[in-house]
Amino acid sequence: MQPQATYERLAKAGILERAGAEWRTTETWQRAFMKAEEQALEFNEAVNDPRVPVSYALVSILGADVPEAELEQLIDGLLPIELKEEQEMELDEDVDEDGEEGDEEEVVE
């Protein structure tokens, strides 16, 4: 499966969506991924390998009958997007913790 076909397959499943010129994960994916990370921890899987929760989440959305070769292609297509988004979230959290940027604190009178 070509990269564009992979992205389109993931979009059809509700996992990716277009944001301008980029592909971004959907809220559906983000919920499934968070649950998959929790499951991996429960089963003492090596969560330091990001393919583990990605594969768990894909199977939870697409079902267990996805052929292994297709699942591998979907993981390969989705993983760089997921990792980029995680890095962006970490950078946002770092900036918020430093107090340099982020939401203004609400003043209660």
PDB file of N, CA and C in Angstrom:
ATOM      1  N   MET A   1       0.850  -1.176   0.000  1.00  0.00           N
ATOM      2  CA  MET A   1       0.000   0.000   0.000  1.00  0.00           C
ATOM      3  C   MET A   1       0.900   1.245   0.000  1.00  0.00           C
ATOM      4  N   GLN A   2       0.658   2.149  -0.907  1.00  0.00           N
ATOM      5  CA  GLN A   2       1.419   3.398  -0.998  1.00  0.00           C
ATOM      6  C   GLN A   2       1.070   4.304   0.181  1.00  0.00           C
ATOM      7  N   PRO A   3       1.992   5.220   0.574  1.00  0.00           N
ATOM      8  CA  PRO A   3       1.720   6.083   1.729  1.00  0.00           C
ATOM      9  C   PRO A   3       0.387   6.823   1.637  1.00  0.00           C
ATOM     10  N   GLN A   4       0.079   7.397   0.479  1.00  0.00           N
ATOM     11  CA  GLN A   4      -1.186   8.134   0.357  1.00  0.00           C
ATOM     12  C   GLN A   4      -2.371   7.194   0.533  1.00  0.00           C
ATOM     13  N   ALA A   5      -2.286   5.995  -0.012  1.00  0.00           N
ATOM     14  CA  ALA A   5      -3.360   5.014   0.149  1.00  0.00           C
ATOM     15  C   ALA A   5      -3.492   4.603   1.618  1.00  0.00           C
ATOM     16  N   THR A   6      -2.363   4.505   2.314  1.00  0.00           N
ATOM     17  CA  THR A   6      -2.391   4.182   3.750  1.00  0.00           C
ATOM     18  C   THR A   6      -3.115   5.275   4.515  1.00  0.00           C
ATOM     19  N   TYR A   7      -2.771   6.539   4.230  1.00  0.00           N
ATOM     20  CA  TYR A   7      -3.419   7.655   4.925  1.00  0.00           C
ATOM     21  C   TYR A   7      -4.915   7.684   4.634  1.00  0.00           C
ATOM     22  N   GLU A   8      -5.271   7.418   3.391  1.00  0.00           N
ATOM     23  CA  GLU A   8      -6.688   7.412   3.030  1.00  0.00           C
ATOM     24  C   GLU A   8      -7.428   6.278   3.726  1.00  0.00           C
ATOM     25  N   ARG A   9      -6.793   5.125   3.845  1.00  0.00           N
ATOM     26  CA  ARG A   9      -7.389   3.988   4.574  1.00  0.00           C
ATOM     27  C   ARG A   9      -7.601   4.361   6.036  1.00  0.00           C
ATOM     28  N   LEU A  10      -6.606   5.014   6.635  1.00  0.00           N
ATOM     29  CA  LEU A  10      -6.721   5.435   8.034  1.00  0.00           C
ATOM     30  C   LEU A  10      -7.781   6.525   8.195  1.00  0.00           C
ATOM     31  N   ALA A  11      -7.896   7.402   7.218  1.00  0.00           N
ATOM     32  CA  ALA A  11      -8.924   8.448   7.271  1.00  0.00           C
ATOM     33  C   ALA A  11     -10.320   7.833   7.153  1.00  0.00           C
ATOM     34  N   LYS A  12     -10.462   6.864   6.277  1.00  0.00           N
ATOM     35  CA  LYS A  12     -11.757   6.190   6.099  1.00  0.00           C
ATOM     36  C   LYS A  12     -12.201   5.499   7.389  1.00  0.00           C
ATOM     37  N   ALA A  13     -11.224   5.035   8.164  1.00  0.00           N
ATOM     38  CA  ALA A  13     -11.519   4.365   9.435  1.00  0.00           C
ATOM     39  C   ALA A  13     -11.738   5.356  10.577  1.00  0.00           C
ATOM     40  N   GLY A  14     -11.587   6.662  10.298  1.00  0.00           N
ATOM     41  CA  GLY A  14     -11.792   7.666  11.329  1.00  0.00           C
ATOM     42  C   GLY A  14     -10.583   7.886  12.228  1.00  0.00           C
ATOM     43  N   ILE A  15      -9.409   7.477  11.761  1.00  0.00           N
ATOM     44  CA  ILE A  15      -8.181   7.574  12.557  1.00  0.00           C
ATOM     45  C   ILE A  15      -7.405   8.840  12.224  1.00  0.00           C
ATOM     46  N   LEU A  16      -7.386   9.208  10.959  1.00  0.00           N
ATOM     47  CA  LEU A  16      -6.700  10.419  10.507  1.00  0.00           C
ATOM     48  C   LEU A  16      -7.690  11.359   9.853  1.00  0.00           C
ATOM     49  N   GLU A  17      -7.300  12.650   9.849  1.00  0.00           N
ATOM     50  CA  GLU A  17      -8.064  13.657   9.124  1.00  0.00           C
ATOM     51  C   GLU A  17      -7.084  14.683   8.593  1.00  0.00           C
ATOM     52  N   ARG A  18      -7.499  15.384   7.570  1.00  0.00           N
ATOM     53  CA  ARG A  18      -6.651  16.419   6.984  1.00  0.00           C
ATOM     54  C   ARG A  18      -6.748  17.689   7.815  1.00  0.00           C
ATOM     55  N   ALA A  19      -5.602  18.318   8.031  1.00  0.00           N
ATOM     56  CA  ALA A  19      -5.530  19.639   8.669  1.00  0.00           C
ATOM     57  C   ALA A  19      -4.602  20.456   7.774  1.00  0.00           C
ATOM     58  N   GLY A  20      -5.180  21.115   6.804  1.00  0.00           N
ATOM     59  CA  GLY A  20      -4.365  21.814   5.812  1.00  0.00           C
ATOM     60  C   GLY A  20      -3.636  20.793   4.971  1.00  0.00           C
ATOM     61  N   ALA A  21      -2.327  20.916   4.909  1.00  0.00           N
ATOM     62  CA  ALA A  21      -1.522  19.994   4.108  1.00  0.00           C
ATOM     63  C   ALA A  21      -1.086  18.771   4.907  1.00  0.00           C
ATOM     64  N   GLU A  22      -1.396  18.746   6.197  1.00  0.00           N
ATOM     65  CA  GLU A  22      -0.937  17.665   7.073  1.00  0.00           C
ATOM     66  C   GLU A  22      -2.053  16.678   7.383  1.00  0.00           C
ATOM     67  N   TRP A  23      -1.641  15.485   7.726  1.00  0.00           N
ATOM     68  CA  TRP A  23      -2.548  14.498   8.295  1.00  0.00           C
ATOM     69  C   TRP A  23      -2.408  14.584   9.809  1.00  0.00           C
ATOM     70  N   ARG A  24      -3.525  14.582  10.514  1.00  0.00           N
ATOM     71  CA  ARG A  24      -3.544  14.631  11.976  1.00  0.00           C
ATOM     72  C   ARG A  24      -4.433  13.504  12.489  1.00  0.00           C
ATOM     73  N   THR A  25      -4.173  13.052  13.712  1.00  0.00           N
ATOM     74  CA  THR A  25      -5.028  12.020  14.293  1.00  0.00           C
ATOM     75  C   THR A  25      -6.319  12.643  14.798  1.00  0.00           C
ATOM     76  N   THR A  26      -7.348  11.821  14.840  1.00  0.00           N
ATOM     77  CA  THR A  26      -8.663  12.272  15.292  1.00  0.00           C
ATOM     78  C   THR A  26      -8.822  12.011  16.788  1.00  0.00           C
ATOM     79  N   GLU A  27      -9.873  12.570  17.363  1.00  0.00           N
ATOM     80  CA  GLU A  27     -10.175  12.297  18.769  1.00  0.00           C
ATOM     81  C   GLU A  27     -10.467  10.819  18.980  1.00  0.00           C
ATOM     82  N   THR A  28     -11.091  10.190  18.004  1.00  0.00           N
ATOM     83  CA  THR A  28     -11.355   8.749  18.085  1.00  0.00           C
ATOM     84  C   THR A  28     -10.044   7.991  18.252  1.00  0.00           C
ATOM     85  N   TRP A  29      -9.052   8.345  17.437  1.00  0.00           N
ATOM     86  CA  TRP A  29      -7.750   7.697  17.537  1.00  0.00           C
ATOM     87  C   TRP A  29      -7.110   7.993  18.885  1.00  0.00           C
ATOM     88  N   GLN A  30      -7.132   9.228  19.308  1.00  0.00           N
ATOM     89  CA  GLN A  30      -6.467   9.617  20.544  1.00  0.00           C
ATOM     90  C   GLN A  30      -7.033   8.859  21.741  1.00  0.00           C
ATOM     91  N   ARG A  31      -8.357   8.683  21.774  1.00  0.00           N
ATOM     92  CA  ARG A  31      -8.973   7.900  22.862  1.00  0.00           C
ATOM     93  C   ARG A  31      -8.526   6.441  22.795  1.00  0.00           C
ATOM     94  N   ALA A  32      -8.546   5.864  21.597  1.00  0.00           N
ATOM     95  CA  ALA A  32      -8.141   4.463  21.429  1.00  0.00           C
ATOM     96  C   ALA A  32      -6.670   4.287  21.785  1.00  0.00           C
ATOM     97  N   PHE A  33      -5.833   5.246  21.421  1.00  0.00           N
ATOM     98  CA  PHE A  33      -4.410   5.152  21.707  1.00  0.00           C
ATOM     99  C   PHE A  33      -4.153   5.235  23.210  1.00  0.00           C
ATOM    100  N   MET A  34      -4.831   6.141  23.894  1.00  0.00           N
ATOM    101  CA  MET A  34      -4.655   6.254  25.349  1.00  0.00           C
ATOM    102  C   MET A  34      -5.077   4.964  26.043  1.00  0.00           C
ATOM    103  N   LYS A  35      -6.182   4.396  25.612  1.00  0.00           N
ATOM    104  CA  LYS A  35      -6.650   3.134  26.186  1.00  0.00           C
ATOM    105  C   LYS A  35      -5.644   2.006  25.896  1.00  0.00           C
ATOM    106  N   ALA A  36      -5.096   2.010  24.695  1.00  0.00           N
ATOM    107  CA  ALA A  36      -4.119   0.983  24.319  1.00  0.00           C
ATOM    108  C   ALA A  36      -2.854   1.101  25.157  1.00  0.00           C
ATOM    109  N   GLU A  37      -2.422   2.324  25.442  1.00  0.00           N
ATOM    110  CA  GLU A  37      -1.246   2.502  26.303  1.00  0.00           C
ATOM    111  C   GLU A  37      -1.510   1.922  27.688  1.00  0.00           C
ATOM    112  N   GLU A  38      -2.712   2.177  28.214  1.00  0.00           N
ATOM    113  CA  GLU A  38      -3.074   1.624  29.520  1.00  0.00           C
ATOM    114  C   GLU A  38      -3.087   0.098  29.484  1.00  0.00           C
ATOM    115  N   GLN A  39      -3.652  -0.476  28.423  1.00  0.00           N
ATOM    116  CA  GLN A  39      -3.693  -1.930  28.294  1.00  0.00           C
ATOM    117  C   GLN A  39      -2.294  -2.518  28.210  1.00  0.00           C
ATOM    118  N   ALA A  40      -1.427  -1.872  27.462  1.00  0.00           N
ATOM    119  CA  ALA A  40      -0.053  -2.365  27.323  1.00  0.00           C
ATOM    120  C   ALA A  40       0.630  -2.380  28.693  1.00  0.00           C
ATOM    121  N   LEU A  41       0.402  -1.357  29.479  1.00  0.00           N
ATOM    122  CA  LEU A  41       0.984  -1.313  30.820  1.00  0.00           C
ATOM    123  C   LEU A  41       0.417  -2.423  31.700  1.00  0.00           C
ATOM    124  N   GLU A  42      -0.897  -2.662  31.586  1.00  0.00           N
ATOM    125  CA  GLU A  42      -1.537  -3.722  32.373  1.00  0.00           C
ATOM    126  C   GLU A  42      -0.930  -5.086  32.056  1.00  0.00           C
ATOM    127  N   PHE A  43      -0.583  -5.294  30.777  1.00  0.00           N
ATOM    128  CA  PHE A  43      -0.021  -6.578  30.353  1.00  0.00           C
ATOM    129  C   PHE A  43       1.492  -6.585  30.412  1.00  0.00           C
ATOM    130  N   ASN A  44       2.060  -5.554  31.040  1.00  0.00           N
ATOM    131  CA  ASN A  44       3.508  -5.421  31.198  1.00  0.00           C
ATOM    132  C   ASN A  44       4.248  -5.448  29.861  1.00  0.00           C
ATOM    133  N   GLU A  45       3.607  -4.905  28.837  1.00  0.00           N
ATOM    134  CA  GLU A  45       4.264  -4.807  27.531  1.00  0.00           C
ATOM    135  C   GLU A  45       5.273  -3.664  27.574  1.00  0.00           C
ATOM    136  N   ALA A  46       6.240  -3.725  26.720  1.00  0.00           N
ATOM    137  CA  ALA A  46       7.268  -2.682  26.637  1.00  0.00           C
ATOM    138  C   ALA A  46       6.685  -1.462  25.933  1.00  0.00           C
ATOM    139  N   VAL A  47       6.199  -0.521  26.717  1.00  0.00           N
ATOM    140  CA  VAL A  47       5.588   0.671  26.136  1.00  0.00           C
ATOM    141  C   VAL A  47       6.658   1.607  25.573  1.00  0.00           C
ATOM    142  N   ASN A  48       7.920   1.331  25.850  1.00  0.00           N
ATOM    143  CA  ASN A  48       8.966   2.141  25.243  1.00  0.00           C
ATOM    144  C   ASN A  48       9.062   1.896  23.734  1.00  0.00           C
ATOM    145  N   ASP A  49       8.406   0.865  23.237  1.00  0.00           N
ATOM    146  CA  ASP A  49       8.280   0.640  21.799  1.00  0.00           C
ATOM    147  C   ASP A  49       6.907   1.172  21.393  1.00  0.00           C
ATOM    148  N   PRO A  50       6.853   2.319  20.727  1.00  0.00           N
ATOM    149  CA  PRO A  50       5.567   2.935  20.419  1.00  0.00           C
ATOM    150  C   PRO A  50       4.696   2.122  19.470  1.00  0.00           C
ATOM    151  N   ARG A  51       5.266   1.124  18.813  1.00  0.00           N
ATOM    152  CA  ARG A  51       4.461   0.288  17.916  1.00  0.00           C
ATOM    153  C   ARG A  51       3.460  -0.564  18.688  1.00  0.00           C
ATOM    154  N   VAL A  52       3.772  -0.858  19.969  1.00  0.00           N
ATOM    155  CA  VAL A  52       2.878  -1.711  20.760  1.00  0.00           C
ATOM    156  C   VAL A  52       1.516  -1.043  20.956  1.00  0.00           C
ATOM    157  N   PRO A  53       1.448   0.155  21.558  1.00  0.00           N
ATOM    158  CA  PRO A  53       0.124   0.751  21.713  1.00  0.00           C
ATOM    159  C   PRO A  53      -0.514   1.142  20.381  1.00  0.00           C
ATOM    160  N   VAL A  54       0.297   1.489  19.382  1.00  0.00           N
ATOM    161  CA  VAL A  54      -0.273   1.811  18.063  1.00  0.00           C
ATOM    162  C   VAL A  54      -0.975   0.587  17.502  1.00  0.00           C
ATOM    163  N   SER A  55      -0.336  -0.579  17.598  1.00  0.00           N
ATOM    164  CA  SER A  55      -0.971  -1.789  17.069  1.00  0.00           C
ATOM    165  C   SER A  55      -2.209  -2.157  17.879  1.00  0.00           C
ATOM    166  N   TYR A  56      -2.153  -2.040  19.208  1.00  0.00           N
ATOM    167  CA  TYR A  56      -3.329  -2.321  20.044  1.00  0.00           C
ATOM    168  C   TYR A  56      -4.494  -1.418  19.634  1.00  0.00           C
ATOM    169  N   ALA A  57      -4.202  -0.124  19.465  1.00  0.00           N
ATOM    170  CA  ALA A  57      -5.265   0.825  19.129  1.00  0.00           C
ATOM    171  C   ALA A  57      -5.828   0.558  17.735  1.00  0.00           C
ATOM    172  N   LEU A  58      -4.966   0.250  16.784  1.00  0.00           N
ATOM    173  CA  LEU A  58      -5.463  -0.059  15.438  1.00  0.00           C
ATOM    174  C   LEU A  58      -6.380  -1.274  15.458  1.00  0.00           C
ATOM    175  N   VAL A  59      -5.976  -2.313  16.155  1.00  0.00           N
ATOM    176  CA  VAL A  59      -6.806  -3.517  16.234  1.00  0.00           C
ATOM    177  C   VAL A  59      -8.123  -3.211  16.938  1.00  0.00           C
ATOM    178  N   SER A  60      -8.093  -2.348  17.952  1.00  0.00           N
ATOM    179  CA  SER A  60      -9.344  -2.022  18.655  1.00  0.00           C
ATOM    180  C   SER A  60     -10.319  -1.287  17.750  1.00  0.00           C
ATOM    181  N   ILE A  61      -9.804  -0.511  16.805  1.00  0.00           N
ATOM    182  CA  ILE A  61     -10.672   0.234  15.896  1.00  0.00           C
ATOM    183  C   ILE A  61     -11.043  -0.598  14.668  1.00  0.00           C
ATOM    184  N   LEU A  62     -10.055  -1.265  14.076  1.00  0.00           N
ATOM    185  CA  LEU A  62     -10.261  -1.965  12.805  1.00  0.00           C
ATOM    186  C   LEU A  62     -10.709  -3.409  12.964  1.00  0.00           C
ATOM    187  N   GLY A  63     -10.458  -3.982  14.138  1.00  0.00           N
ATOM    188  CA  GLY A  63     -10.796  -5.378  14.359  1.00  0.00           C
ATOM    189  C   GLY A  63      -9.579  -6.273  14.189  1.00  0.00           C
ATOM    190  N   ALA A  64      -9.683  -7.454  14.734  1.00  0.00           N
ATOM    191  CA  ALA A  64      -8.558  -8.390  14.754  1.00  0.00           C
ATOM    192  C   ALA A  64      -8.361  -9.112  13.424  1.00  0.00           C
ATOM    193  N   ASP A  65      -9.271  -8.937  12.483  1.00  0.00           N
ATOM    194  CA  ASP A  65      -9.156  -9.665  11.221  1.00  0.00           C
ATOM    195  C   ASP A  65      -8.344  -8.925  10.158  1.00  0.00           C
ATOM    196  N   VAL A  66      -7.708  -7.810  10.526  1.00  0.00           N
ATOM    197  CA  VAL A  66      -6.847  -7.095   9.571  1.00  0.00           C
ATOM    198  C   VAL A  66      -5.615  -7.959   9.311  1.00  0.00           C
ATOM    199  N   PRO A  67      -5.314  -8.225   8.046  1.00  0.00           N
ATOM    200  CA  PRO A  67      -4.133  -9.034   7.741  1.00  0.00           C
ATOM    201  C   PRO A  67      -2.861  -8.392   8.320  1.00  0.00           C
ATOM    202  N   GLU A  68      -1.951  -9.233   8.773  1.00  0.00           N
ATOM    203  CA  GLU A  68      -0.735  -8.752   9.438  1.00  0.00           C
ATOM    204  C   GLU A  68       0.060  -7.796   8.552  1.00  0.00           C
ATOM    205  N   ALA A  69       0.180  -8.089   7.271  1.00  0.00           N
ATOM    206  CA  ALA A  69       0.936  -7.222   6.365  1.00  0.00           C
ATOM    207  C   ALA A  69       0.284  -5.843   6.258  1.00  0.00           C
ATOM    208  N   GLU A  70      -1.027  -5.817   6.200  1.00  0.00           N
ATOM    209  CA  GLU A  70      -1.735  -4.525   6.138  1.00  0.00           C
ATOM    210  C   GLU A  70      -1.572  -3.765   7.452  1.00  0.00           C
ATOM    211  N   LEU A  71      -1.677  -4.480   8.564  1.00  0.00           N
ATOM    212  CA  LEU A  71      -1.506  -3.848   9.872  1.00  0.00           C
ATOM    213  C   LEU A  71      -0.118  -3.215   9.980  1.00  0.00           C
ATOM    214  N   GLU A  72       0.889  -3.911   9.512  1.00  0.00           N
ATOM    215  CA  GLU A  72       2.250  -3.373   9.536  1.00  0.00           C
ATOM    216  C   GLU A  72       2.353  -2.095   8.703  1.00  0.00           C
ATOM    217  N   GLN A  73       1.709  -2.073   7.546  1.00  0.00           N
ATOM    218  CA  GLN A  73       1.726  -0.878   6.703  1.00  0.00           C
ATOM    219  C   GLN A  73       1.012   0.276   7.385  1.00  0.00           C
ATOM    220  N   LEU A  74      -0.102  -0.023   8.045  1.00  0.00           N
ATOM    221  CA  LEU A  74      -0.843   1.030   8.745  1.00  0.00           C
ATOM    222  C   LEU A  74      -0.031   1.584   9.910  1.00  0.00           C
ATOM    223  N   ILE A  75       0.640   0.698  10.640  1.00  0.00           N
ATOM    224  CA  ILE A  75       1.513   1.134  11.739  1.00  0.00           C
ATOM    225  C   ILE A  75       2.620   2.030  11.192  1.00  0.00           C
ATOM    226  N   ASP A  76       3.262   1.594  10.102  1.00  0.00           N
ATOM    227  CA  ASP A  76       4.350   2.373   9.508  1.00  0.00           C
ATOM    228  C   ASP A  76       3.873   3.748   9.033  1.00  0.00           C
ATOM    229  N   GLY A  77       2.648   3.829   8.551  1.00  0.00           N
ATOM    230  CA  GLY A  77       2.109   5.114   8.102  1.00  0.00           C
ATOM    231  C   GLY A  77       1.688   6.016   9.247  1.00  0.00           C
ATOM    232  N   LEU A  78       1.140   5.420  10.285  1.00  0.00           N
ATOM    233  CA  LEU A  78       0.590   6.184  11.403  1.00  0.00           C
ATOM    234  C   LEU A  78       1.638   6.591  12.424  1.00  0.00           C
ATOM    235  N   LEU A  79       2.626   5.766  12.630  1.00  0.00           N
ATOM    236  CA  LEU A  79       3.606   6.001  13.693  1.00  0.00           C
ATOM    237  C   LEU A  79       4.302   7.368  13.602  1.00  0.00           C
ATOM    238  N   PRO A  80       4.791   7.793  12.439  1.00  0.00           N
ATOM    239  CA  PRO A  80       5.440   9.109  12.392  1.00  0.00           C
ATOM    240  C   PRO A  80       4.491  10.256  12.761  1.00  0.00           C
ATOM    241  N   ILE A  81       3.233  10.130  12.398  1.00  0.00           N
ATOM    242  CA  ILE A  81       2.248  11.171  12.725  1.00  0.00           C
ATOM    243  C   ILE A  81       2.007  11.185  14.223  1.00  0.00           C
ATOM    244  N   GLU A  82       1.834  10.011  14.817  1.00  0.00           N
ATOM    245  CA  GLU A  82       1.604   9.908  16.257  1.00  0.00           C
ATOM    246  C   GLU A  82       2.802  10.449  17.032  1.00  0.00           C
ATOM    247  N   LEU A  83       4.003  10.077  16.644  1.00  0.00           N
ATOM    248  CA  LEU A  83       5.204  10.546  17.345  1.00  0.00           C
ATOM    249  C   LEU A  83       5.359  12.060  17.242  1.00  0.00           C
ATOM    250  N   LYS A  84       5.066  12.614  16.071  1.00  0.00           N
ATOM    251  CA  LYS A  84       5.147  14.063  15.892  1.00  0.00           C
ATOM    252  C   LYS A  84       4.150  14.769  16.805  1.00  0.00           C
ATOM    253  N   GLU A  85       2.939  14.245  16.885  1.00  0.00           N
ATOM    254  CA  GLU A  85       1.933  14.863  17.739  1.00  0.00           C
ATOM    255  C   GLU A  85       2.309  14.755  19.217  1.00  0.00           C
ATOM    256  N   GLU A  86       2.887  13.629  19.612  1.00  0.00           N
ATOM    257  CA  GLU A  86       3.338  13.480  20.999  1.00  0.00           C
ATOM    258  C   GLU A  86       4.436  14.486  21.320  1.00  0.00           C
ATOM    259  N   GLN A  87       5.366  14.696  20.384  1.00  0.00           N
ATOM    260  CA  GLN A  87       6.427  15.687  20.591  1.00  0.00           C
ATOM    261  C   GLN A  87       5.830  17.078  20.735  1.00  0.00           C
ATOM    262  N   GLU A  88       4.859  17.401  19.900  1.00  0.00           N
ATOM    263  CA  GLU A  88       4.208  18.712  19.981  1.00  0.00           C
ATOM    264  C   GLU A  88       3.532  18.901  21.332  1.00  0.00           C
ATOM    265  N   MET A  89       2.868  17.843  21.823  1.00  0.00           N
ATOM    266  CA  MET A  89       2.208  17.927  23.128  1.00  0.00           C
ATOM    267  C   MET A  89       3.232  18.126  24.236  1.00  0.00           C
ATOM    268  N   GLU A  90       4.361  17.412  24.169  1.00  0.00           N
ATOM    269  CA  GLU A  90       5.408  17.556  25.177  1.00  0.00           C
ATOM    270  C   GLU A  90       5.980  18.968  25.168  1.00  0.00           C
ATOM    271  N   LEU A  91       6.182  19.520  23.974  1.00  0.00           N
ATOM    272  CA  LEU A  91       6.686  20.891  23.887  1.00  0.00           C
ATOM    273  C   LEU A  91       5.689  21.876  24.474  1.00  0.00           C
ATOM    274  N   ASP A  92       4.399  21.672  24.181  1.00  0.00           N
ATOM    275  CA  ASP A  92       3.361  22.533  24.743  1.00  0.00           C
ATOM    276  C   ASP A  92       3.351  22.446  26.260  1.00  0.00           C
ATOM    277  N   GLU A  93       3.486  21.223  26.797  1.00  0.00           N
ATOM    278  CA  GLU A  93       3.496  21.046  28.248  1.00  0.00           C
ATOM    279  C   GLU A  93       4.714  21.715  28.869  1.00  0.00           C
ATOM    280  N   ASP A  94       5.878  21.602  28.227  1.00  0.00           N
ATOM    281  CA  ASP A  94       7.090  22.235  28.741  1.00  0.00           C
ATOM    282  C   ASP A  94       6.931  23.747  28.787  1.00  0.00           C
ATOM    283  N   VAL A  95       6.363  24.312  27.748  1.00  0.00           N
ATOM    284  CA  VAL A  95       6.169  25.758  27.706  1.00  0.00           C
ATOM    285  C   VAL A  95       5.183  26.168  28.784  1.00  0.00           C
ATOM    286  N   ASP A  96       4.100  25.426  28.954  1.00  0.00           N
ATOM    287  CA  ASP A  96       3.106  25.755  29.977  1.00  0.00           C
ATOM    288  C   ASP A  96       3.708  25.674  31.368  1.00  0.00           C
ATOM    289  N   GLU A  97       4.540  24.663  31.628  1.00  0.00           N
ATOM    290  CA  GLU A  97       5.163  24.508  32.941  1.00  0.00           C
ATOM    291  C   GLU A  97       6.116  25.660  33.239  1.00  0.00           C
ATOM    292  N   ASP A  98       6.785  26.167  32.227  1.00  0.00           N
ATOM    293  CA  ASP A  98       7.715  27.281  32.412  1.00  0.00           C
ATOM    294  C   ASP A  98       6.974  28.601  32.604  1.00  0.00           C
ATOM    295  N   GLY A  99       5.707  28.603  32.235  1.00  0.00           N
ATOM    296  CA  GLY A  99       4.911  29.808  32.380  1.00  0.00           C
ATOM    297  C   GLY A  99       5.192  30.856  31.330  1.00  0.00           C
ATOM    298  N   GLU A 100       5.958  30.506  30.316  1.00  0.00           N
ATOM    299  CA  GLU A 100       6.292  31.481  29.297  1.00  0.00           C
ATOM    300  C   GLU A 100       5.169  31.671  28.294  1.00  0.00           C
ATOM    301  N   GLU A 101       4.478  30.616  28.001  1.00  0.00           N
ATOM    302  CA  GLU A 101       3.372  30.684  27.057  1.00  0.00           C
ATOM    303  C   GLU A 101       2.268  29.823  27.605  1.00  0.00           C
ATOM    304  N   GLY A 102       1.166  29.795  26.891  1.00  0.00           N
ATOM    305  CA  GLY A 102       0.056  28.958  27.318  1.00  0.00           C
ATOM    306  C   GLY A 102      -1.114  29.820  27.723  1.00  0.00           C
ATOM    307  N   ASP A 103      -2.088  29.194  28.319  1.00  0.00           N
ATOM    308  CA  ASP A 103      -3.290  29.898  28.713  1.00  0.00           C
ATOM    309  C   ASP A 103      -2.994  30.865  29.854  1.00  0.00           C
ATOM    310  N   GLU A 104      -3.644  31.998  29.787  1.00  0.00           N
ATOM    311  CA  GLU A 104      -3.517  32.968  30.872  1.00  0.00           C
ATOM    312  C   GLU A 104      -4.238  32.429  32.096  1.00  0.00           C
ATOM    313  N   GLU A 105      -3.706  32.711  33.257  1.00  0.00           N
ATOM    314  CA  GLU A 105      -4.373  32.275  34.479  1.00  0.00           C
ATOM    315  C   GLU A 105      -5.626  33.110  34.688  1.00  0.00           C
ATOM    316  N   GLU A 106      -6.651  32.441  35.138  1.00  0.00           N
ATOM    317  CA  GLU A 106      -7.915  33.125  35.383  1.00  0.00           C
ATOM    318  C   GLU A 106      -7.813  33.857  36.722  1.00  0.00           C
ATOM    319  N   VAL A 107      -8.250  35.106  36.725  1.00  0.00           N
ATOM    320  CA  VAL A 107      -8.238  35.893  37.943  1.00  0.00           C
ATOM    321  C   VAL A 107      -9.622  35.811  38.561  1.00  0.00           C
ATOM    322  N   VAL A 108      -9.653  35.371  39.808  1.00  0.00           N
ATOM    323  CA  VAL A 108     -10.931  35.251  40.519  1.00  0.00           C
ATOM    324  C   VAL A 108     -11.013  36.395  41.510  1.00  0.00           C
ATOM    325  N   GLU A 109     -12.057  37.168  41.403  1.00  0.00           N
ATOM    326  CA  GLU A 109     -12.217  38.309  42.312  1.00  0.00           C
ATOM    327  C   GLU A 109     -13.240  38.028  43.378  1.00  0.00           C
TER     328      GLU A 109
END
